[in-house]
PDB file of all heavy atoms in Angstrom:
ATOM      1  N   GLY A   1     145.252  -6.131 135.064  1.00  0.00           N
ATOM      2  CA  GLY A   1     146.535  -6.360 134.396  1.00  0.00           C
ATOM      3  C   GLY A   1     147.524  -7.079 135.294  1.00  0.00           C
ATOM      4  O   GLY A   1     148.253  -7.972 134.851  1.00  0.00           O
ATOM      5  N   GLY A   2     147.557  -6.722 136.571  1.00  0.00           N
ATOM      6  CA  GLY A   2     148.436  -7.406 137.519  1.00  0.00           C
ATOM      7  C   GLY A   2     148.056  -8.862 137.697  1.00  0.00           C
ATOM      8  O   GLY A   2     148.920  -9.746 137.738  1.00  0.00           O
ATOM      9  N   PHE A   3     146.772  -9.121 137.801  1.00  0.00           N
ATOM     10  CA  PHE A   3     146.307 -10.501 137.914  1.00  0.00           C
ATOM     11  C   PHE A   3     146.713 -11.308 136.690  1.00  0.00           C
ATOM     12  O   PHE A   3     147.224 -12.418 136.812  1.00  0.00           O
ATOM     13  CB  PHE A   3     144.781 -10.541 138.077  1.00  0.00           C
ATOM     14  CG  PHE A   3     144.222 -11.932 138.018  1.00  0.00           C
ATOM     15  CD1 PHE A   3     144.319 -12.778 139.106  1.00  0.00           C
ATOM     16  CD2 PHE A   3     143.609 -12.397 136.858  1.00  0.00           C
ATOM     17  CE1 PHE A   3     143.817 -14.062 139.044  1.00  0.00           C
ATOM     18  CE2 PHE A   3     143.107 -13.682 136.794  1.00  0.00           C
ATOM     19  CZ  PHE A   3     143.210 -14.520 137.885  1.00  0.00           C
ATOM     20  N   PHE A   4     146.494 -10.732 135.506  1.00  0.00           N
ATOM     21  CA  PHE A   4     146.850 -11.442 134.283  1.00  0.00           C
ATOM     22  C   PHE A   4     148.345 -11.720 134.223  1.00  0.00           C
ATOM     23  O   PHE A   4     148.769 -12.806 133.833  1.00  0.00           O
ATOM     24  CB  PHE A   4     146.406 -10.641 133.054  1.00  0.00           C
ATOM     25  CG  PHE A   4     146.823 -11.279 131.765  1.00  0.00           C
ATOM     26  CD1 PHE A   4     146.158 -12.400 131.293  1.00  0.00           C
ATOM     27  CD2 PHE A   4     147.885 -10.772 131.033  1.00  0.00           C
ATOM     28  CE1 PHE A   4     146.549 -13.006 130.114  1.00  0.00           C
ATOM     29  CE2 PHE A   4     148.285 -11.369 129.858  1.00  0.00           C
ATOM     30  CZ  PHE A   4     147.612 -12.495 129.389  1.00  0.00           C
ATOM     31  N   ALA A   5     149.168 -10.737 134.628  1.00  0.00           N
ATOM     32  CA  ALA A   5     150.621 -10.910 134.566  1.00  0.00           C
ATOM     33  C   ALA A   5     151.084 -12.015 135.504  1.00  0.00           C
ATOM     34  O   ALA A   5     151.934 -12.840 135.145  1.00  0.00           O
ATOM     35  CB  ALA A   5     151.315  -9.593 134.901  1.00  0.00           C
ATOM     36  N   VAL A   6     150.538 -12.085 136.702  1.00  0.00           N
ATOM     37  CA  VAL A   6     150.926 -13.132 137.649  1.00  0.00           C
ATOM     38  C   VAL A   6     150.366 -14.479 137.219  1.00  0.00           C
ATOM     39  O   VAL A   6     151.059 -15.493 137.248  1.00  0.00           O
ATOM     40  CB  VAL A   6     150.456 -12.768 139.076  1.00  0.00           C
ATOM     41  CG1 VAL A   6     150.663 -13.926 140.038  1.00  0.00           C
ATOM     42  CG2 VAL A   6     151.185 -11.533 139.577  1.00  0.00           C
ATOM     43  N   TYR A   7     149.116 -14.508 136.820  1.00  0.00           N
ATOM     44  CA  TYR A   7     148.468 -15.752 136.430  1.00  0.00           C
ATOM     45  C   TYR A   7     149.133 -16.388 135.215  1.00  0.00           C
ATOM     46  O   TYR A   7     149.298 -17.600 135.145  1.00  0.00           O
ATOM     47  CB  TYR A   7     146.981 -15.500 136.158  1.00  0.00           C
ATOM     48  CG  TYR A   7     146.198 -16.735 135.841  1.00  0.00           C
ATOM     49  CD1 TYR A   7     145.852 -17.638 136.840  1.00  0.00           C
ATOM     50  CD2 TYR A   7     145.813 -17.018 134.536  1.00  0.00           C
ATOM     51  CE1 TYR A   7     145.135 -18.775 136.561  1.00  0.00           C
ATOM     52  CE2 TYR A   7     145.100 -18.161 134.240  1.00  0.00           C
ATOM     53  CZ  TYR A   7     144.758 -19.038 135.254  1.00  0.00           C
ATOM     54  OH  TYR A   7     144.055 -20.174 134.964  1.00  0.00           O
ATOM     55  N   SER A   8     149.526 -15.578 134.260  1.00  0.00           N
ATOM     56  CA  SER A   8     150.123 -16.121 133.043  1.00  0.00           C
ATOM     57  C   SER A   8     151.607 -16.412 133.203  1.00  0.00           C
ATOM     58  O   SER A   8     152.204 -17.028 132.335  1.00  0.00           O
ATOM     59  CB  SER A   8     149.901 -15.162 131.881  1.00  0.00           C
ATOM     60  OG  SER A   8     150.535 -13.925 132.139  1.00  0.00           O
ATOM     61  N   GLY A   9     152.217 -15.991 134.300  1.00  0.00           N
ATOM     62  CA  GLY A   9     153.606 -16.322 134.562  1.00  0.00           C
ATOM     63  C   GLY A   9     154.587 -15.257 134.122  1.00  0.00           C
ATOM     64  O   GLY A   9     155.787 -15.480 134.173  1.00  0.00           O
ATOM     65  N   TYR A  10     154.134 -14.110 133.678  1.00  0.00           N
ATOM     66  CA  TYR A  10     155.040 -13.055 133.271  1.00  0.00           C
ATOM     67  C   TYR A  10     155.706 -12.386 134.471  1.00  0.00           C
ATOM     68  O   TYR A  10     156.755 -11.785 134.356  1.00  0.00           O
ATOM     69  CB  TYR A  10     154.312 -11.990 132.454  1.00  0.00           C
ATOM     70  CG  TYR A  10     153.856 -12.499 131.111  1.00  0.00           C
ATOM     71  CD1 TYR A  10     152.514 -12.480 130.773  1.00  0.00           C
ATOM     72  CD2 TYR A  10     154.764 -13.010 130.190  1.00  0.00           C
ATOM     73  CE1 TYR A  10     152.080 -12.949 129.556  1.00  0.00           C
ATOM     74  CE2 TYR A  10     154.338 -13.486 128.981  1.00  0.00           C
ATOM     75  CZ  TYR A  10     152.999 -13.453 128.659  1.00  0.00           C
ATOM     76  OH  TYR A  10     152.575 -13.929 127.460  1.00  0.00           O
ATOM     77  N   LEU A  11     155.086 -12.492 135.608  1.00  0.00           N
ATOM     78  CA  LEU A  11     155.564 -11.839 136.817  1.00  0.00           C
ATOM     79  C   LEU A  11     155.666 -12.891 137.919  1.00  0.00           C
ATOM     80  O   LEU A  11     154.863 -13.796 137.990  1.00  0.00           O
ATOM     81  CB  LEU A  11     154.551 -10.757 137.213  1.00  0.00           C
ATOM     82  CG  LEU A  11     154.980  -9.686 138.176  1.00  0.00           C
ATOM     83  CD1 LEU A  11     156.127  -8.876 137.604  1.00  0.00           C
ATOM     84  CD2 LEU A  11     153.817  -8.759 138.463  1.00  0.00           C
ATOM     85  N   LEU A  12     156.676 -12.788 138.767  1.00  0.00           N
ATOM     86  CA  LEU A  12     156.869 -13.705 139.901  1.00  0.00           C
ATOM     87  C   LEU A  12     157.045 -15.149 139.462  1.00  0.00           C
ATOM     88  O   LEU A  12     156.432 -16.056 139.981  1.00  0.00           O
ATOM     89  CB  LEU A  12     155.701 -13.617 140.889  1.00  0.00           C
ATOM     90  CG  LEU A  12     155.444 -12.282 141.532  1.00  0.00           C
ATOM     91  CD1 LEU A  12     154.208 -12.354 142.409  1.00  0.00           C
ATOM     92  CD2 LEU A  12     156.631 -11.810 142.327  1.00  0.00           C
ATOM     93  N   GLY A  13     157.890 -15.404 138.539  1.00  0.00           N
ATOM     94  CA  GLY A  13     158.121 -16.780 138.140  1.00  0.00           C
ATOM     95  C   GLY A  13     158.572 -16.888 136.708  1.00  0.00           C
ATOM     96  O   GLY A  13     158.753 -17.972 136.207  1.00  0.00           O
ATOM     97  N   GLY A  14     158.757 -15.788 136.051  1.00  0.00           N
ATOM     98  CA  GLY A  14     159.206 -15.829 134.675  1.00  0.00           C
ATOM     99  C   GLY A  14     158.142 -16.389 133.772  1.00  0.00           C
ATOM    100  O   GLY A  14     157.012 -16.621 134.162  1.00  0.00           O
ATOM    101  N   THR A  15     158.521 -16.638 132.536  1.00  0.00           N
ATOM    102  CA  THR A  15     157.564 -17.195 131.583  1.00  0.00           C
ATOM    103  C   THR A  15     157.626 -18.707 131.694  1.00  0.00           C
ATOM    104  O   THR A  15     158.684 -19.316 131.638  1.00  0.00           O
ATOM    105  CB  THR A  15     157.899 -16.747 130.152  1.00  0.00           C
ATOM    106  OG1 THR A  15     159.237 -17.136 129.860  1.00  0.00           O
ATOM    107  CG2 THR A  15     157.746 -15.257 130.009  1.00  0.00           C
ATOM    108  N   GLN A  16     156.477 -19.331 131.864  1.00  0.00           N
ATOM    109  CA  GLN A  16     156.387 -20.781 131.978  1.00  0.00           C
ATOM    110  C   GLN A  16     155.368 -21.269 130.971  1.00  0.00           C
ATOM    111  O   GLN A  16     154.373 -20.611 130.699  1.00  0.00           O
ATOM    112  CB  GLN A  16     155.906 -21.199 133.364  1.00  0.00           C
ATOM    113  CG  GLN A  16     156.851 -20.840 134.469  1.00  0.00           C
ATOM    114  CD  GLN A  16     156.267 -21.273 135.821  1.00  0.00           C
ATOM    115  OE1 GLN A  16     155.091 -21.541 135.933  1.00  0.00           O
ATOM    116  NE2 GLN A  16     157.116 -21.343 136.810  1.00  0.00           N
ATOM    117  N   SER A  17     155.627 -22.429 130.469  1.00  0.00           N
ATOM    118  CA  SER A  17     154.636 -23.030 129.579  1.00  0.00           C
ATOM    119  C   SER A  17     153.635 -23.802 130.417  1.00  0.00           C
ATOM    120  O   SER A  17     153.852 -24.074 131.588  1.00  0.00           O
ATOM    121  CB  SER A  17     155.334 -23.972 128.585  1.00  0.00           C
ATOM    122  OG  SER A  17     155.887 -25.077 129.276  1.00  0.00           O
ATOM    123  N   ALA A  18     152.555 -24.187 129.808  1.00  0.00           N
ATOM    124  CA  ALA A  18     151.522 -24.934 130.518  1.00  0.00           C
ATOM    125  C   ALA A  18     152.053 -26.293 130.965  1.00  0.00           C
ATOM    126  O   ALA A  18     151.693 -26.793 132.013  1.00  0.00           O
ATOM    127  CB  ALA A  18     150.288 -25.100 129.636  1.00  0.00           C
ATOM    128  N   ALA A  19     152.940 -26.908 130.173  1.00  0.00           N
ATOM    129  CA  ALA A  19     153.478 -28.220 130.529  1.00  0.00           C
ATOM    130  C   ALA A  19     154.337 -28.138 131.780  1.00  0.00           C
ATOM    131  O   ALA A  19     154.274 -28.997 132.656  1.00  0.00           O
ATOM    132  CB  ALA A  19     154.292 -28.783 129.370  1.00  0.00           C
ATOM    133  N   SER A  20     155.153 -27.091 131.912  1.00  0.00           N
ATOM    134  CA  SER A  20     155.991 -26.984 133.103  1.00  0.00           C
ATOM    135  C   SER A  20     155.161 -26.655 134.323  1.00  0.00           C
ATOM    136  O   SER A  20     155.480 -27.067 135.430  1.00  0.00           O
ATOM    137  CB  SER A  20     157.086 -25.934 132.899  1.00  0.00           C
ATOM    138  OG  SER A  20     156.516 -24.639 132.805  1.00  0.00           O
ATOM    139  N   THR A  21     154.079 -25.922 134.157  1.00  0.00           N
ATOM    140  CA  THR A  21     153.198 -25.619 135.279  1.00  0.00           C
ATOM    141  C   THR A  21     152.528 -26.885 135.782  1.00  0.00           C
ATOM    142  O   THR A  21     152.420 -27.108 136.979  1.00  0.00           O
ATOM    143  CB  THR A  21     152.133 -24.584 134.869  1.00  0.00           C
ATOM    144  OG1 THR A  21     152.795 -23.440 134.339  1.00  0.00           O
ATOM    145  CG2 THR A  21     151.279 -24.187 136.053  1.00  0.00           C
ATOM    146  N   GLU A  22     152.102 -27.766 134.876  1.00  0.00           N
ATOM    147  CA  GLU A  22     151.479 -29.015 135.283  1.00  0.00           C
ATOM    148  C   GLU A  22     152.468 -29.912 136.008  1.00  0.00           C
ATOM    149  O   GLU A  22     152.139 -30.547 136.997  1.00  0.00           O
ATOM    150  CB  GLU A  22     150.903 -29.739 134.075  1.00  0.00           C
ATOM    151  CG  GLU A  22     149.656 -29.072 133.518  1.00  0.00           C
ATOM    152  CD  GLU A  22     149.176 -29.750 132.246  1.00  0.00           C
ATOM    153  OE1 GLU A  22     149.676 -30.851 131.930  1.00  0.00           O
ATOM    154  OE2 GLU A  22     148.306 -29.177 131.574  1.00  0.00           O
ATOM    155  N   SER A  23     153.724 -29.975 135.546  1.00  0.00           N
ATOM    156  CA  SER A  23     154.705 -30.822 136.212  1.00  0.00           C
ATOM    157  C   SER A  23     155.063 -30.270 137.579  1.00  0.00           C
ATOM    158  O   SER A  23     155.379 -31.028 138.488  1.00  0.00           O
ATOM    159  CB  SER A  23     155.962 -30.974 135.346  1.00  0.00           C
ATOM    160  OG  SER A  23     156.611 -29.719 135.234  1.00  0.00           O
ATOM    161  N   ASP A  24     154.999 -28.939 137.761  1.00  0.00           N
ATOM    162  CA  ASP A  24     155.259 -28.353 139.062  1.00  0.00           C
ATOM    163  C   ASP A  24     154.173 -28.733 140.056  1.00  0.00           C
ATOM    164  O   ASP A  24     154.453 -29.003 141.217  1.00  0.00           O
ATOM    165  CB  ASP A  24     155.352 -26.825 138.971  1.00  0.00           C
ATOM    166  CG  ASP A  24     156.615 -26.366 138.262  1.00  0.00           C
ATOM    167  OD1 ASP A  24     157.547 -27.189 138.111  1.00  0.00           O
ATOM    168  OD2 ASP A  24     156.662 -25.182 137.859  1.00  0.00           O
ATOM    169  N   THR A  25     152.932 -28.770 139.613  1.00  0.00           N
ATOM    170  CA  THR A  25     151.852 -29.134 140.526  1.00  0.00           C
ATOM    171  C   THR A  25     151.921 -30.606 140.885  1.00  0.00           C
ATOM    172  O   THR A  25     151.511 -30.995 141.965  1.00  0.00           O
ATOM    173  CB  THR A  25     150.468 -28.799 139.937  1.00  0.00           C
ATOM    174  OG1 THR A  25     150.329 -29.459 138.689  1.00  0.00           O
ATOM    175  CG2 THR A  25     150.294 -27.310 139.778  1.00  0.00           C
ATOM    176  N   ASP A  26     152.457 -31.457 140.000  1.00  0.00           N
ATOM    177  CA  ASP A  26     152.612 -32.868 140.322  1.00  0.00           C
ATOM    178  C   ASP A  26     153.615 -33.060 141.453  1.00  0.00           C
ATOM    179  O   ASP A  26     153.460 -33.944 142.280  1.00  0.00           O
ATOM    180  CB  ASP A  26     153.070 -33.656 139.088  1.00  0.00           C
ATOM    181  CG  ASP A  26     151.977 -33.750 138.034  1.00  0.00           C
ATOM    182  OD1 ASP A  26     150.804 -33.528 138.390  1.00  0.00           O
ATOM    183  OD2 ASP A  26     152.305 -34.031 136.870  1.00  0.00           O
ATOM    184  N   SER A  27     154.655 -32.228 141.503  1.00  0.00           N
ATOM    185  CA  SER A  27     155.650 -32.375 142.559  1.00  0.00           C
ATOM    186  C   SER A  27     155.080 -32.008 143.917  1.00  0.00           C
ATOM    187  O   SER A  27     155.550 -32.484 144.933  1.00  0.00           O
ATOM    188  CB  SER A  27     156.887 -31.525 142.256  1.00  0.00           C
ATOM    189  OG  SER A  27     156.535 -30.153 142.296  1.00  0.00           O
ATOM    190  N   TYR A  28     154.046 -31.173 143.963  1.00  0.00           N
ATOM    191  CA  TYR A  28     153.426 -30.835 145.236  1.00  0.00           C
ATOM    192  C   TYR A  28     152.570 -31.979 145.760  1.00  0.00           C
ATOM    193  O   TYR A  28     152.314 -32.070 146.945  1.00  0.00           O
ATOM    194  CB  TYR A  28     152.567 -29.569 145.112  1.00  0.00           C
ATOM    195  CG  TYR A  28     153.381 -28.332 144.865  1.00  0.00           C
ATOM    196  CD1 TYR A  28     153.127 -27.527 143.763  1.00  0.00           C
ATOM    197  CD2 TYR A  28     154.388 -27.946 145.725  1.00  0.00           C
ATOM    198  CE1 TYR A  28     153.860 -26.389 143.519  1.00  0.00           C
ATOM    199  CE2 TYR A  28     155.135 -26.817 145.502  1.00  0.00           C
ATOM    200  CZ  TYR A  28     154.868 -26.037 144.397  1.00  0.00           C
ATOM    201  OH  TYR A  28     155.597 -24.918 144.172  1.00  0.00           O
ATOM    202  N   ASP A  29     152.114 -32.852 144.867  1.00  0.00           N
ATOM    203  CA  ASP A  29     151.256 -33.955 145.273  1.00  0.00           C
ATOM    204  C   ASP A  29     152.032 -35.052 145.996  1.00  0.00           C
ATOM    205  O   ASP A  29     151.450 -35.839 146.725  1.00  0.00           O
ATOM    206  CB  ASP A  29     150.540 -34.543 144.066  1.00  0.00           C
ATOM    207  CG  ASP A  29     149.535 -33.567 143.472  1.00  0.00           C
ATOM    208  OD1 ASP A  29     149.118 -32.636 144.180  1.00  0.00           O
ATOM    209  OD2 ASP A  29     149.186 -33.752 142.306  1.00  0.00           O
ATOM    210  N   ALA A  30     153.347 -35.127 145.803  1.00  0.00           N
ATOM    211  CA  ALA A  30     154.147 -36.162 146.440  1.00  0.00           C
ATOM    212  C   ALA A  30     154.320 -35.834 147.923  1.00  0.00           C
ATOM    213  O   ALA A  30     154.744 -34.751 148.284  1.00  0.00           O
ATOM    214  CB  ALA A  30     155.507 -36.255 145.757  1.00  0.00           C
ATOM    215  N   LEU A  31     153.953 -36.781 148.765  1.00  0.00           N
ATOM    216  CA  LEU A  31     154.086 -36.590 150.203  1.00  0.00           C
ATOM    217  C   LEU A  31     155.462 -37.060 150.666  1.00  0.00           C
ATOM    218  O   LEU A  31     156.037 -37.989 150.093  1.00  0.00           O
ATOM    219  CB  LEU A  31     152.993 -37.377 150.934  1.00  0.00           C
ATOM    220  CG  LEU A  31     151.566 -36.910 150.692  1.00  0.00           C
ATOM    221  CD1 LEU A  31     150.584 -37.857 151.361  1.00  0.00           C
ATOM    222  CD2 LEU A  31     151.369 -35.506 151.207  1.00  0.00           C
ATOM    223  N   PRO A  32     155.993 -36.444 151.711  1.00  0.00           N
ATOM    224  CA  PRO A  32     157.295 -36.884 152.201  1.00  0.00           C
ATOM    225  C   PRO A  32     157.205 -38.290 152.794  1.00  0.00           C
ATOM    226  O   PRO A  32     156.139 -38.719 153.246  1.00  0.00           O
ATOM    227  CB  PRO A  32     157.641 -35.843 153.268  1.00  0.00           C
ATOM    228  CG  PRO A  32     156.349 -35.247 153.670  1.00  0.00           C
ATOM    229  CD  PRO A  32     155.455 -35.327 152.469  1.00  0.00           C
TER     230      PRO A  32
END
């Protein structure tokens, strides 16, 4: 249950949609 809550975004990050999660990972790909 804890894994599911963190993985799905209910815990430690609020509720996020799949689109916002994908855009967040794109920002990590940009190098300084």
